Amino acid sequence: MWYPTITMRELDNWILYGKNMYLVDLRNRDSFERCHLAGARNIPFEELEEHLGDLPVDCPVVFYCSRGSQSMLACNRLCDQGFQVVNAGGGLMAYRGRNLICSIPEQLPD
C-alpha cells in the first residue's frame, strides 16, 4: 500500500491555487468549529467508516488531523479500499499558512 504524504506547506499551496481535492479534517467537531482549514469538511476519525459513501472516487481525498497520526491511519485504511488518498503530514499543529479559519482569532489549533 502506497499513498503520498505532503507537508502542510504544500497543502497550503494546494488550497491557495484551488487544486482539485476533497479535504477532510479528522478532528472532533468542537476542534473543527474552533479552527480548521478553508474548504475542509469535518469527518471525525471515529466516524470515518460511516462516511465512506460520502467520499469521492474521482479526486484525491486529503486527510489532516491534529498531529498527523490519525490522518496516516485513515490513509492506510482507505488506500486498501481503492480511494486516492493523500496524508497531510504533521497535522494542524505544523500548519503555518494563510488558510486557517478560526472562530476566535487567537485560538490555536488542537
N, C-alpha and C. Protein backbone atom coordinates (compact mmCIF):
# COMPACT_ATOMS: atom_id res chain seq x y z
N MET A 1 0.85 -1.17 0.00
CA MET A 1 0.00 0.00 0.00
C MET A 1 0.89 1.24 0.00
N TRP A 2 0.63 2.14 -0.93
CA TRP A 2 1.39 3.37 -1.02
C TRP A 2 0.45 4.53 -1.24
N TYR A 3 0.72 5.60 -0.55
CA TYR A 3 -0.02 6.84 -0.75
C TYR A 3 0.95 7.98 -0.49
N PRO A 4 0.73 9.12 -1.13
CA PRO A 4 1.64 10.25 -0.91
C PRO A 4 1.39 10.95 0.42
N THR A 5 2.44 11.50 0.95
CA THR A 5 2.36 12.39 2.11
C THR A 5 2.92 13.73 1.68
N ILE A 6 2.15 14.79 1.97
CA ILE A 6 2.60 16.12 1.63
C ILE A 6 2.80 16.91 2.93
N THR A 7 3.56 17.97 2.85
CA THR A 7 3.75 18.84 4.00
C THR A 7 2.55 19.78 4.13
N MET A 8 2.41 20.36 5.29
CA MET A 8 1.34 21.34 5.48
C MET A 8 1.57 22.57 4.59
N ARG A 9 2.82 22.88 4.31
CA ARG A 9 3.12 23.99 3.39
C ARG A 9 2.61 23.67 1.98
N GLU A 10 2.83 22.43 1.54
CA GLU A 10 2.30 22.03 0.23
C GLU A 10 0.78 22.09 0.22
N LEU A 11 0.16 21.63 1.30
CA LEU A 11 -1.30 21.68 1.39
C LEU A 11 -1.79 23.12 1.33
N ASP A 12 -1.09 24.02 1.98
CA ASP A 12 -1.45 25.44 1.93
C ASP A 12 -1.46 25.93 0.49
N ASN A 13 -0.47 25.54 -0.30
CA ASN A 13 -0.42 25.93 -1.72
C ASN A 13 -1.54 25.27 -2.52
N TRP A 14 -1.85 24.02 -2.21
CA TRP A 14 -2.94 23.34 -2.90
C TRP A 14 -4.24 24.11 -2.68
N ILE A 15 -4.47 24.53 -1.44
CA ILE A 15 -5.69 25.29 -1.12
C ILE A 15 -5.67 26.63 -1.85
N LEU A 16 -4.55 27.33 -1.75
CA LEU A 16 -4.41 28.65 -2.37
C LEU A 16 -4.67 28.62 -3.87
N TYR A 17 -4.16 27.60 -4.55
CA TYR A 17 -4.28 27.54 -6.00
C TYR A 17 -5.45 26.70 -6.49
N GLY A 18 -6.31 26.26 -5.57
CA GLY A 18 -7.54 25.57 -5.95
C GLY A 18 -7.36 24.19 -6.53
N LYS A 19 -6.39 23.45 -6.05
CA LYS A 19 -6.20 22.07 -6.53
C LYS A 19 -7.48 21.27 -6.30
N ASN A 20 -7.80 20.44 -7.27
CA ASN A 20 -8.96 19.56 -7.16
C ASN A 20 -8.69 18.50 -6.11
N MET A 21 -9.38 18.60 -4.98
CA MET A 21 -9.20 17.65 -3.88
C MET A 21 -10.42 17.73 -2.98
N TYR A 22 -10.55 16.73 -2.13
CA TYR A 22 -11.61 16.68 -1.13
C TYR A 22 -10.89 16.68 0.21
N LEU A 23 -10.91 17.79 0.90
CA LEU A 23 -10.12 17.99 2.12
C LEU A 23 -10.94 17.60 3.34
N VAL A 24 -10.38 16.69 4.15
CA VAL A 24 -11.10 16.16 5.31
C VAL A 24 -10.30 16.41 6.59
N ASP A 25 -10.95 17.07 7.54
CA ASP A 25 -10.41 17.30 8.89
C ASP A 25 -10.94 16.17 9.77
N LEU A 26 -10.06 15.37 10.32
CA LEU A 26 -10.43 14.20 11.11
C LEU A 26 -10.61 14.48 12.61
N ARG A 27 -10.43 15.72 13.02
CA ARG A 27 -10.55 16.05 14.44
C ARG A 27 -12.01 16.07 14.88
N ASN A 28 -12.25 16.14 16.17
CA ASN A 28 -13.64 16.16 16.66
C ASN A 28 -14.32 17.48 16.26
N ARG A 29 -15.64 17.47 16.36
CA ARG A 29 -16.43 18.62 15.88
C ARG A 29 -16.10 19.92 16.61
N ASP A 30 -15.88 19.86 17.92
CA ASP A 30 -15.55 21.09 18.67
C ASP A 30 -14.24 21.70 18.17
N SER A 31 -13.24 20.87 17.98
CA SER A 31 -11.95 21.37 17.48
C SER A 31 -12.10 21.97 16.09
N PHE A 32 -12.88 21.29 15.24
CA PHE A 32 -13.11 21.78 13.88
C PHE A 32 -13.80 23.14 13.90
N GLU A 33 -14.81 23.28 14.75
CA GLU A 33 -15.54 24.56 14.80
C GLU A 33 -14.68 25.69 15.33
N ARG A 34 -13.74 25.39 16.20
CA ARG A 34 -12.84 26.44 16.70
C ARG A 34 -11.84 26.88 15.64
N CYS A 35 -11.34 25.93 14.85
CA CYS A 35 -10.29 26.25 13.90
C CYS A 35 -10.16 25.13 12.86
N HIS A 36 -10.13 25.48 11.58
CA HIS A 36 -9.94 24.47 10.54
C HIS A 36 -9.41 25.15 9.27
N LEU A 37 -9.02 24.34 8.31
CA LEU A 37 -8.51 24.85 7.05
C LEU A 37 -9.67 25.17 6.11
N ALA A 38 -9.48 26.20 5.33
CA ALA A 38 -10.51 26.62 4.36
C ALA A 38 -10.85 25.47 3.42
N GLY A 39 -12.14 25.24 3.24
CA GLY A 39 -12.61 24.21 2.33
C GLY A 39 -12.68 22.81 2.92
N ALA A 40 -12.26 22.66 4.16
CA ALA A 40 -12.26 21.33 4.78
C ALA A 40 -13.65 20.91 5.21
N ARG A 41 -13.89 19.62 5.14
CA ARG A 41 -15.11 19.01 5.67
C ARG A 41 -14.72 18.24 6.91
N ASN A 42 -15.57 18.26 7.89
CA ASN A 42 -15.26 17.58 9.14
C ASN A 42 -15.89 16.19 9.17
N ILE A 43 -15.02 15.18 9.21
CA ILE A 43 -15.45 13.81 9.45
C ILE A 43 -14.55 13.30 10.57
N PRO A 44 -15.04 13.30 11.81
CA PRO A 44 -14.21 12.82 12.91
C PRO A 44 -13.69 11.40 12.63
N PHE A 45 -12.47 11.15 13.01
CA PHE A 45 -11.81 9.87 12.74
C PHE A 45 -12.69 8.69 13.15
N GLU A 46 -13.34 8.80 14.29
CA GLU A 46 -14.16 7.71 14.80
C GLU A 46 -15.38 7.43 13.92
N GLU A 47 -15.76 8.38 13.07
CA GLU A 47 -16.93 8.24 12.22
C GLU A 47 -16.58 7.98 10.75
N LEU A 48 -15.30 7.83 10.46
CA LEU A 48 -14.86 7.73 9.07
C LEU A 48 -15.53 6.57 8.33
N GLU A 49 -15.58 5.40 8.93
CA GLU A 49 -16.17 4.23 8.26
C GLU A 49 -17.63 4.49 7.87
N GLU A 50 -18.35 5.25 8.67
CA GLU A 50 -19.76 5.54 8.40
C GLU A 50 -19.92 6.48 7.20
N HIS A 51 -18.86 7.20 6.83
CA HIS A 51 -18.95 8.21 5.77
C HIS A 51 -18.21 7.83 4.49
N LEU A 52 -17.83 6.59 4.36
CA LEU A 52 -17.08 6.19 3.16
C LEU A 52 -17.87 6.48 1.88
N GLY A 53 -19.18 6.35 1.93
CA GLY A 53 -20.00 6.62 0.76
C GLY A 53 -20.05 8.10 0.38
N ASP A 54 -19.64 8.97 1.29
CA ASP A 54 -19.61 10.41 1.02
C ASP A 54 -18.32 10.85 0.33
N LEU A 55 -17.32 9.99 0.34
CA LEU A 55 -16.02 10.36 -0.21
C LEU A 55 -15.97 10.14 -1.72
N PRO A 56 -15.38 11.07 -2.46
CA PRO A 56 -15.30 10.92 -3.92
C PRO A 56 -14.27 9.86 -4.32
N VAL A 57 -14.48 9.30 -5.48
CA VAL A 57 -13.50 8.36 -6.03
C VAL A 57 -12.78 8.95 -7.23
N ASP A 58 -13.19 10.17 -7.64
CA ASP A 58 -12.63 10.78 -8.84
C ASP A 58 -11.60 11.88 -8.57
N CYS A 59 -11.27 12.10 -7.30
CA CYS A 59 -10.23 13.08 -6.96
C CYS A 59 -9.57 12.65 -5.65
N PRO A 60 -8.39 13.19 -5.36
CA PRO A 60 -7.72 12.81 -4.12
C PRO A 60 -8.47 13.28 -2.88
N VAL A 61 -8.50 12.41 -1.89
CA VAL A 61 -9.06 12.75 -0.58
C VAL A 61 -7.85 13.04 0.31
N VAL A 62 -7.74 14.29 0.75
CA VAL A 62 -6.61 14.72 1.58
C VAL A 62 -7.06 14.76 3.03
N PHE A 63 -6.36 14.01 3.87
CA PHE A 63 -6.70 13.95 5.29
C PHE A 63 -5.69 14.73 6.13
N TYR A 64 -6.21 15.45 7.13
CA TYR A 64 -5.35 16.03 8.15
C TYR A 64 -6.04 15.88 9.50
N CYS A 65 -5.23 15.95 10.54
CA CYS A 65 -5.73 15.84 11.92
C CYS A 65 -4.90 16.80 12.78
N SER A 66 -4.79 16.53 14.05
CA SER A 66 -4.03 17.43 14.92
C SER A 66 -2.52 17.32 14.70
N ARG A 67 -2.02 16.09 14.72
CA ARG A 67 -0.56 15.90 14.66
C ARG A 67 -0.09 14.98 13.54
N GLY A 68 -1.02 14.36 12.84
CA GLY A 68 -0.64 13.52 11.69
C GLY A 68 -0.85 12.03 11.87
N SER A 69 -1.09 11.57 13.08
CA SER A 69 -1.21 10.12 13.27
C SER A 69 -2.55 9.57 12.77
N GLN A 70 -3.65 10.27 13.04
CA GLN A 70 -4.95 9.77 12.58
C GLN A 70 -5.08 9.88 11.06
N SER A 71 -4.49 10.91 10.48
CA SER A 71 -4.56 11.03 9.01
C SER A 71 -3.77 9.89 8.36
N MET A 72 -2.67 9.49 8.95
CA MET A 72 -1.89 8.38 8.43
C MET A 72 -2.70 7.08 8.53
N LEU A 73 -3.36 6.85 9.65
CA LEU A 73 -4.19 5.66 9.82
C LEU A 73 -5.35 5.65 8.82
N ALA A 74 -5.98 6.80 8.62
CA ALA A 74 -7.08 6.90 7.66
C ALA A 74 -6.59 6.57 6.25
N CYS A 75 -5.43 7.09 5.89
CA CYS A 75 -4.87 6.80 4.57
C CYS A 75 -4.57 5.32 4.41
N ASN A 76 -4.01 4.70 5.45
CA ASN A 76 -3.73 3.26 5.40
C ASN A 76 -5.01 2.48 5.12
N ARG A 77 -6.06 2.79 5.83
CA ARG A 77 -7.33 2.07 5.68
C ARG A 77 -7.95 2.28 4.31
N LEU A 78 -8.02 3.52 3.88
CA LEU A 78 -8.74 3.83 2.64
C LEU A 78 -7.95 3.51 1.38
N CYS A 79 -6.64 3.55 1.47
CA CYS A 79 -5.80 3.19 0.33
C CYS A 79 -6.10 1.74 -0.07
N ASP A 80 -6.22 0.87 0.92
CA ASP A 80 -6.52 -0.53 0.66
C ASP A 80 -7.90 -0.73 0.05
N GLN A 81 -8.79 0.25 0.21
CA GLN A 81 -10.14 0.16 -0.32
C GLN A 81 -10.29 0.85 -1.67
N GLY A 82 -9.17 1.30 -2.25
CA GLY A 82 -9.19 1.85 -3.59
C GLY A 82 -9.35 3.35 -3.70
N PHE A 83 -9.38 4.06 -2.59
CA PHE A 83 -9.50 5.52 -2.65
C PHE A 83 -8.16 6.15 -2.99
N GLN A 84 -8.19 7.29 -3.69
CA GLN A 84 -6.99 8.10 -3.90
C GLN A 84 -6.82 8.94 -2.64
N VAL A 85 -5.85 8.65 -1.82
CA VAL A 85 -5.69 9.36 -0.56
C VAL A 85 -4.35 10.06 -0.50
N VAL A 86 -4.32 11.15 0.26
CA VAL A 86 -3.10 11.92 0.49
C VAL A 86 -3.07 12.26 1.98
N ASN A 87 -1.93 12.03 2.60
CA ASN A 87 -1.75 12.36 4.01
C ASN A 87 -1.06 13.71 4.13
N ALA A 88 -1.66 14.62 4.91
CA ALA A 88 -1.02 15.90 5.20
C ALA A 88 -0.21 15.71 6.48
N GLY A 89 1.07 15.49 6.33
CA GLY A 89 1.94 15.16 7.45
C GLY A 89 2.11 16.29 8.45
N GLY A 90 2.18 15.91 9.70
CA GLY A 90 2.40 16.89 10.76
C GLY A 90 1.13 17.45 11.36
N GLY A 91 0.04 17.36 10.63
CA GLY A 91 -1.24 17.83 11.13
C GLY A 91 -1.31 19.33 11.32
N LEU A 92 -2.42 19.75 11.88
CA LEU A 92 -2.68 21.18 12.04
C LEU A 92 -1.68 21.86 12.98
N MET A 93 -1.08 21.10 13.88
CA MET A 93 -0.07 21.68 14.77
C MET A 93 1.15 22.17 13.98
N ALA A 94 1.38 21.61 12.79
CA ALA A 94 2.52 22.02 11.97
C ALA A 94 2.14 23.09 10.95
N TYR A 95 0.89 23.49 10.91
CA TYR A 95 0.42 24.43 9.90
C TYR A 95 0.80 25.86 10.24
N ARG A 96 1.36 26.56 9.26
CA ARG A 96 1.75 27.96 9.43
C ARG A 96 1.31 28.79 8.23
N GLY A 97 0.22 28.39 7.60
CA GLY A 97 -0.19 29.04 6.35
C GLY A 97 -1.25 30.10 6.52
N ARG A 98 -1.83 30.47 5.38
CA ARG A 98 -2.79 31.57 5.30
C ARG A 98 -4.24 31.11 5.26
N ASN A 99 -4.49 29.84 5.24
CA ASN A 99 -5.85 29.34 5.01
C ASN A 99 -6.52 28.76 6.25
N LEU A 100 -6.19 29.30 7.40
CA LEU A 100 -6.76 28.84 8.67
C LEU A 100 -7.96 29.70 9.02
N ILE A 101 -9.07 29.06 9.30
CA ILE A 101 -10.29 29.76 9.69
C ILE A 101 -10.54 29.47 11.16
N CYS A 102 -10.55 30.52 11.99
CA CYS A 102 -10.73 30.34 13.42
C CYS A 102 -11.92 31.16 13.89
N SER A 103 -12.74 30.56 14.76
CA SER A 103 -13.88 31.29 15.31
C SER A 103 -13.42 32.32 16.33
N ILE A 104 -12.28 32.06 16.97
CA ILE A 104 -11.66 33.02 17.87
C ILE A 104 -10.28 33.29 17.28
N PRO A 105 -10.00 34.50 16.81
CA PRO A 105 -8.76 34.76 16.09
C PRO A 105 -7.49 34.31 16.80
N GLU A 106 -7.44 34.38 18.12
CA GLU A 106 -6.23 34.00 18.83
C GLU A 106 -6.16 32.49 19.09
N GLN A 107 -7.23 31.76 18.73
CA GLN A 107 -7.31 30.34 19.04
C GLN A 107 -6.22 29.56 18.31
N LEU A 108 -5.50 28.75 19.02
CA LEU A 108 -4.52 27.85 18.40
C LEU A 108 -5.20 26.54 18.10
N PRO A 109 -4.85 25.91 16.97
CA PRO A 109 -5.46 24.61 16.65
C PRO A 109 -5.02 23.54 17.63
N ASP A 110 -5.91 22.58 17.89
CA ASP A 110 -5.53 21.44 18.74
C ASP A 110 -5.80 20.14 18.05
